């Protein structure tokens, strides 16, 4: 169990976000602690991975932005969004 346990709580995200979809700064420490405890209450790594996948949404990339070096550009078809549903936030 110690291998998959956290030593301390994560740092709360700070700063206002320009994107209204990102609500990292609105999450409370109580909600963050609840999510953290829920994740680390699971002793099995595969079940922890499933817990993460349960809170992950794959979204098709809307716009592919080319870089200066076209030879090494690897386009991403998908991007990952993480969702933490909290009691303090409206759904």
N, C-alpha and C. Protein backbone atom coordinates (compact mmCIF):
# COMPACT_ATOMS: atom_id res chain seq x y z
N UNK A 1 0.82 -1.19 0.00
CA UNK A 1 0.00 0.00 0.00
C UNK A 1 0.87 1.26 0.00
N UNK A 2 2.00 1.23 0.63
CA UNK A 2 2.83 2.42 0.72
C UNK A 2 3.34 2.86 -0.64
N UNK A 3 3.46 1.93 -1.56
CA UNK A 3 3.97 2.28 -2.88
C UNK A 3 3.01 3.21 -3.62
N UNK A 4 1.72 3.01 -3.44
CA UNK A 4 0.73 3.80 -4.16
C UNK A 4 0.07 4.85 -3.27
N UNK A 5 0.74 5.23 -2.19
CA UNK A 5 0.18 6.21 -1.28
C UNK A 5 0.89 7.56 -1.48
N UNK A 6 0.16 8.61 -1.19
CA UNK A 6 0.71 9.95 -1.31
C UNK A 6 1.26 10.39 0.04
N UNK A 7 2.33 11.15 0.01
CA UNK A 7 2.92 11.64 1.25
C UNK A 7 2.20 12.87 1.77
N UNK A 8 1.63 13.68 0.88
CA UNK A 8 0.97 14.91 1.30
C UNK A 8 -0.10 15.30 0.30
N UNK A 9 -0.94 16.25 0.69
CA UNK A 9 -1.97 16.75 -0.21
C UNK A 9 -1.35 17.54 -1.35
N UNK A 10 -1.98 17.53 -2.53
CA UNK A 10 -1.46 18.34 -3.63
C UNK A 10 -1.67 19.82 -3.36
N UNK A 11 -0.94 20.63 -4.08
CA UNK A 11 -1.07 22.09 -3.95
C UNK A 11 -2.32 22.53 -4.69
N UNK A 12 -3.09 23.40 -4.04
CA UNK A 12 -4.32 23.90 -4.65
C UNK A 12 -3.99 24.81 -5.82
N UNK A 13 -4.66 24.62 -6.98
CA UNK A 13 -4.43 25.51 -8.12
C UNK A 13 -4.80 26.94 -7.77
N UNK A 14 -3.98 27.89 -8.21
CA UNK A 14 -4.24 29.29 -7.89
C UNK A 14 -4.28 30.11 -9.18
N UNK A 15 -4.77 31.30 -9.04
CA UNK A 15 -4.79 32.23 -10.17
C UNK A 15 -6.05 32.10 -11.00
N UNK A 16 -6.56 33.22 -11.46
CA UNK A 16 -7.76 33.17 -12.31
C UNK A 16 -7.42 32.65 -13.70
N UNK A 17 -8.35 31.91 -14.25
CA UNK A 17 -8.16 31.37 -15.59
C UNK A 17 -8.93 32.23 -16.58
N UNK A 18 -8.35 32.48 -17.73
CA UNK A 18 -9.03 33.25 -18.77
C UNK A 18 -10.10 32.41 -19.46
N UNK A 19 -9.91 31.11 -19.45
CA UNK A 19 -10.86 30.20 -20.09
C UNK A 19 -11.95 29.84 -19.08
N UNK A 20 -13.20 30.11 -19.42
CA UNK A 20 -14.29 29.84 -18.49
C UNK A 20 -14.53 28.35 -18.29
N UNK A 21 -14.06 27.52 -19.21
CA UNK A 21 -14.22 26.08 -19.05
C UNK A 21 -13.33 25.55 -17.94
N UNK A 22 -12.18 26.18 -17.75
CA UNK A 22 -11.26 25.75 -16.70
C UNK A 22 -11.67 26.38 -15.39
N UNK A 23 -12.03 25.57 -14.45
CA UNK A 23 -12.48 26.08 -13.16
C UNK A 23 -11.59 25.56 -12.04
N UNK A 24 -10.29 25.45 -12.32
CA UNK A 24 -9.35 24.93 -11.33
C UNK A 24 -9.31 25.78 -10.07
N UNK A 25 -9.44 27.08 -10.23
CA UNK A 25 -9.33 27.96 -9.07
C UNK A 25 -10.58 27.95 -8.21
N UNK A 26 -11.70 27.39 -8.70
CA UNK A 26 -12.93 27.38 -7.92
C UNK A 26 -13.05 26.17 -7.01
N UNK A 27 -12.16 25.20 -7.16
CA UNK A 27 -12.23 24.01 -6.32
C UNK A 27 -11.75 24.36 -4.91
N UNK A 28 -12.46 23.88 -3.91
CA UNK A 28 -12.09 24.17 -2.53
C UNK A 28 -11.12 23.11 -2.02
N UNK A 29 -10.43 23.41 -0.94
CA UNK A 29 -9.51 22.43 -0.34
C UNK A 29 -10.27 21.23 0.19
N UNK A 30 -11.51 21.41 0.63
CA UNK A 30 -12.32 20.29 1.11
C UNK A 30 -12.58 19.33 -0.04
N UNK A 31 -12.95 19.88 -1.20
CA UNK A 31 -13.21 19.04 -2.37
C UNK A 31 -11.92 18.37 -2.85
N UNK A 32 -10.83 19.09 -2.83
CA UNK A 32 -9.55 18.55 -3.24
C UNK A 32 -9.13 17.41 -2.31
N UNK A 33 -9.30 17.60 -1.01
CA UNK A 33 -8.97 16.57 -0.04
C UNK A 33 -9.85 15.33 -0.22
N UNK A 34 -11.15 15.55 -0.50
CA UNK A 34 -12.06 14.42 -0.72
C UNK A 34 -11.66 13.62 -1.95
N UNK A 35 -11.33 14.30 -3.04
CA UNK A 35 -10.90 13.61 -4.26
C UNK A 35 -9.59 12.87 -4.02
N UNK A 36 -8.67 13.50 -3.31
CA UNK A 36 -7.37 12.91 -2.99
C UNK A 36 -7.54 11.65 -2.14
N UNK A 37 -8.37 11.74 -1.11
CA UNK A 37 -8.61 10.57 -0.24
C UNK A 37 -9.31 9.45 -1.01
N UNK A 38 -10.25 9.81 -1.87
CA UNK A 38 -10.96 8.79 -2.66
C UNK A 38 -9.99 8.04 -3.56
N UNK A 39 -9.05 8.75 -4.15
CA UNK A 39 -8.08 8.12 -5.04
C UNK A 39 -7.13 7.22 -4.26
N UNK A 40 -6.57 7.72 -3.17
CA UNK A 40 -5.57 6.95 -2.43
C UNK A 40 -6.18 5.95 -1.46
N UNK A 41 -7.49 5.91 -1.32
CA UNK A 41 -8.14 4.85 -0.54
C UNK A 41 -8.08 3.53 -1.29
N UNK A 42 -7.83 3.59 -2.59
CA UNK A 42 -7.72 2.41 -3.43
C UNK A 42 -6.28 1.91 -3.35
N UNK A 43 -6.10 0.65 -2.96
CA UNK A 43 -4.76 0.10 -2.77
C UNK A 43 -4.18 -0.51 -4.04
N UNK A 44 -5.00 -0.82 -5.00
CA UNK A 44 -4.56 -1.50 -6.21
C UNK A 44 -4.27 -0.46 -7.30
N UNK A 45 -3.09 -0.55 -7.92
CA UNK A 45 -2.71 0.43 -8.95
C UNK A 45 -3.63 0.38 -10.16
N UNK A 46 -4.05 -0.80 -10.57
CA UNK A 46 -4.96 -0.89 -11.72
C UNK A 46 -6.30 -0.23 -11.42
N UNK A 47 -6.76 -0.35 -10.20
CA UNK A 47 -8.01 0.31 -9.83
C UNK A 47 -7.81 1.82 -9.72
N UNK A 48 -6.61 2.26 -9.31
CA UNK A 48 -6.31 3.69 -9.31
C UNK A 48 -6.31 4.23 -10.74
N UNK A 49 -5.75 3.45 -11.68
CA UNK A 49 -5.77 3.87 -13.09
C UNK A 49 -7.20 3.98 -13.61
N UNK A 50 -8.05 3.03 -13.21
CA UNK A 50 -9.45 3.07 -13.62
C UNK A 50 -10.15 4.29 -13.02
N UNK A 51 -9.79 4.66 -11.80
CA UNK A 51 -10.35 5.85 -11.15
C UNK A 51 -9.99 7.10 -11.95
N UNK A 52 -8.75 7.17 -12.40
CA UNK A 52 -8.31 8.32 -13.22
C UNK A 52 -9.07 8.34 -14.54
N UNK A 53 -9.20 7.18 -15.18
CA UNK A 53 -9.92 7.12 -16.46
C UNK A 53 -11.38 7.50 -16.31
N UNK A 54 -11.94 7.24 -15.14
CA UNK A 54 -13.34 7.61 -14.89
C UNK A 54 -13.51 9.13 -14.90
N UNK A 55 -12.45 9.86 -14.56
CA UNK A 55 -12.51 11.32 -14.50
C UNK A 55 -11.84 11.98 -15.70
N UNK A 56 -11.59 11.22 -16.75
CA UNK A 56 -10.89 11.72 -17.93
C UNK A 56 -11.84 11.73 -19.12
N UNK A 57 -11.79 12.78 -19.90
CA UNK A 57 -12.60 12.89 -21.11
C UNK A 57 -11.65 13.17 -22.27
N UNK A 58 -11.74 12.35 -23.31
CA UNK A 58 -10.93 12.57 -24.51
C UNK A 58 -11.73 13.44 -25.47
N UNK A 59 -11.13 14.52 -25.92
CA UNK A 59 -11.80 15.48 -26.80
C UNK A 59 -10.98 15.61 -28.08
N UNK A 60 -11.67 15.63 -29.22
CA UNK A 60 -10.99 15.79 -30.50
C UNK A 60 -10.37 17.19 -30.56
N UNK A 61 -9.13 17.26 -30.99
CA UNK A 61 -8.44 18.54 -31.10
C UNK A 61 -9.09 19.37 -32.20
N UNK A 62 -9.44 20.61 -31.87
CA UNK A 62 -10.15 21.46 -32.82
C UNK A 62 -9.22 22.04 -33.88
N UNK A 63 -8.02 22.39 -33.48
CA UNK A 63 -7.13 23.06 -34.42
C UNK A 63 -5.71 22.55 -34.21
N UNK A 64 -5.09 22.13 -35.29
CA UNK A 64 -3.71 21.67 -35.24
C UNK A 64 -2.81 22.84 -35.58
N UNK A 65 -1.97 23.24 -34.67
CA UNK A 65 -1.09 24.39 -34.86
C UNK A 65 0.29 23.90 -35.28
N UNK A 66 0.72 24.26 -36.48
CA UNK A 66 2.05 23.83 -36.92
C UNK A 66 3.14 24.57 -36.16
N UNK A 67 4.27 23.92 -36.04
CA UNK A 67 5.42 24.51 -35.37
C UNK A 67 6.45 24.91 -36.41
N UNK A 68 7.52 25.53 -35.97
CA UNK A 68 8.56 25.98 -36.89
C UNK A 68 9.23 24.83 -37.63
N UNK A 69 9.48 23.74 -36.94
CA UNK A 69 10.14 22.59 -37.53
C UNK A 69 9.08 21.57 -37.96
N UNK A 70 8.74 21.55 -39.23
CA UNK A 70 7.67 20.69 -39.73
C UNK A 70 8.07 19.22 -39.77
N UNK A 71 9.37 18.94 -39.83
CA UNK A 71 9.81 17.55 -39.92
C UNK A 71 9.53 16.77 -38.64
N UNK A 72 9.55 17.44 -37.51
CA UNK A 72 9.37 16.76 -36.24
C UNK A 72 8.01 17.05 -35.62
N UNK A 73 7.09 17.57 -36.40
CA UNK A 73 5.77 17.90 -35.86
C UNK A 73 4.92 16.65 -35.80
N UNK A 74 4.45 16.35 -34.63
CA UNK A 74 3.57 15.20 -34.43
C UNK A 74 2.21 15.74 -34.01
N UNK A 75 1.23 15.60 -34.87
CA UNK A 75 -0.08 16.16 -34.56
C UNK A 75 -0.80 15.26 -33.56
N UNK A 76 -1.60 15.90 -32.73
CA UNK A 76 -2.41 15.16 -31.77
C UNK A 76 -3.85 15.20 -32.25
N UNK A 77 -4.46 14.04 -32.33
CA UNK A 77 -5.85 13.98 -32.74
C UNK A 77 -6.78 14.20 -31.54
N UNK A 78 -6.27 13.91 -30.35
CA UNK A 78 -7.10 14.00 -29.15
C UNK A 78 -6.35 14.79 -28.07
N UNK A 79 -7.11 15.40 -27.19
CA UNK A 79 -6.54 16.02 -26.00
C UNK A 79 -7.33 15.50 -24.80
N UNK A 80 -6.72 15.51 -23.64
CA UNK A 80 -7.35 14.96 -22.45
C UNK A 80 -7.80 16.09 -21.53
N UNK A 81 -9.01 15.95 -21.01
CA UNK A 81 -9.55 16.89 -20.04
C UNK A 81 -9.88 16.10 -18.78
N UNK A 82 -9.49 16.63 -17.64
CA UNK A 82 -9.78 15.98 -16.37
C UNK A 82 -10.94 16.69 -15.71
N UNK A 83 -11.85 15.91 -15.15
CA UNK A 83 -13.02 16.47 -14.47
C UNK A 83 -13.01 16.01 -13.02
N UNK A 84 -13.18 16.95 -12.12
CA UNK A 84 -13.35 16.64 -10.71
C UNK A 84 -14.70 17.22 -10.32
N UNK A 85 -15.65 16.35 -10.06
CA UNK A 85 -16.97 16.81 -9.66
C UNK A 85 -16.97 17.05 -8.16
N UNK A 86 -17.33 18.25 -7.77
CA UNK A 86 -17.23 18.66 -6.37
C UNK A 86 -18.59 19.04 -5.84
N UNK A 87 -18.74 18.87 -4.55
CA UNK A 87 -19.97 19.27 -3.90
C UNK A 87 -20.16 20.77 -3.87
N UNK A 88 -19.07 21.52 -3.89
CA UNK A 88 -19.17 22.98 -3.81
C UNK A 88 -19.45 23.63 -5.16
N UNK A 89 -19.28 22.89 -6.25
CA UNK A 89 -19.51 23.45 -7.58
C UNK A 89 -20.88 23.03 -8.10
N UNK A 90 -21.47 23.89 -8.88
CA UNK A 90 -22.74 23.55 -9.54
C UNK A 90 -22.42 22.71 -10.76
N UNK A 91 -23.21 21.71 -10.99
CA UNK A 91 -22.97 20.83 -12.15
C UNK A 91 -23.62 21.36 -13.38
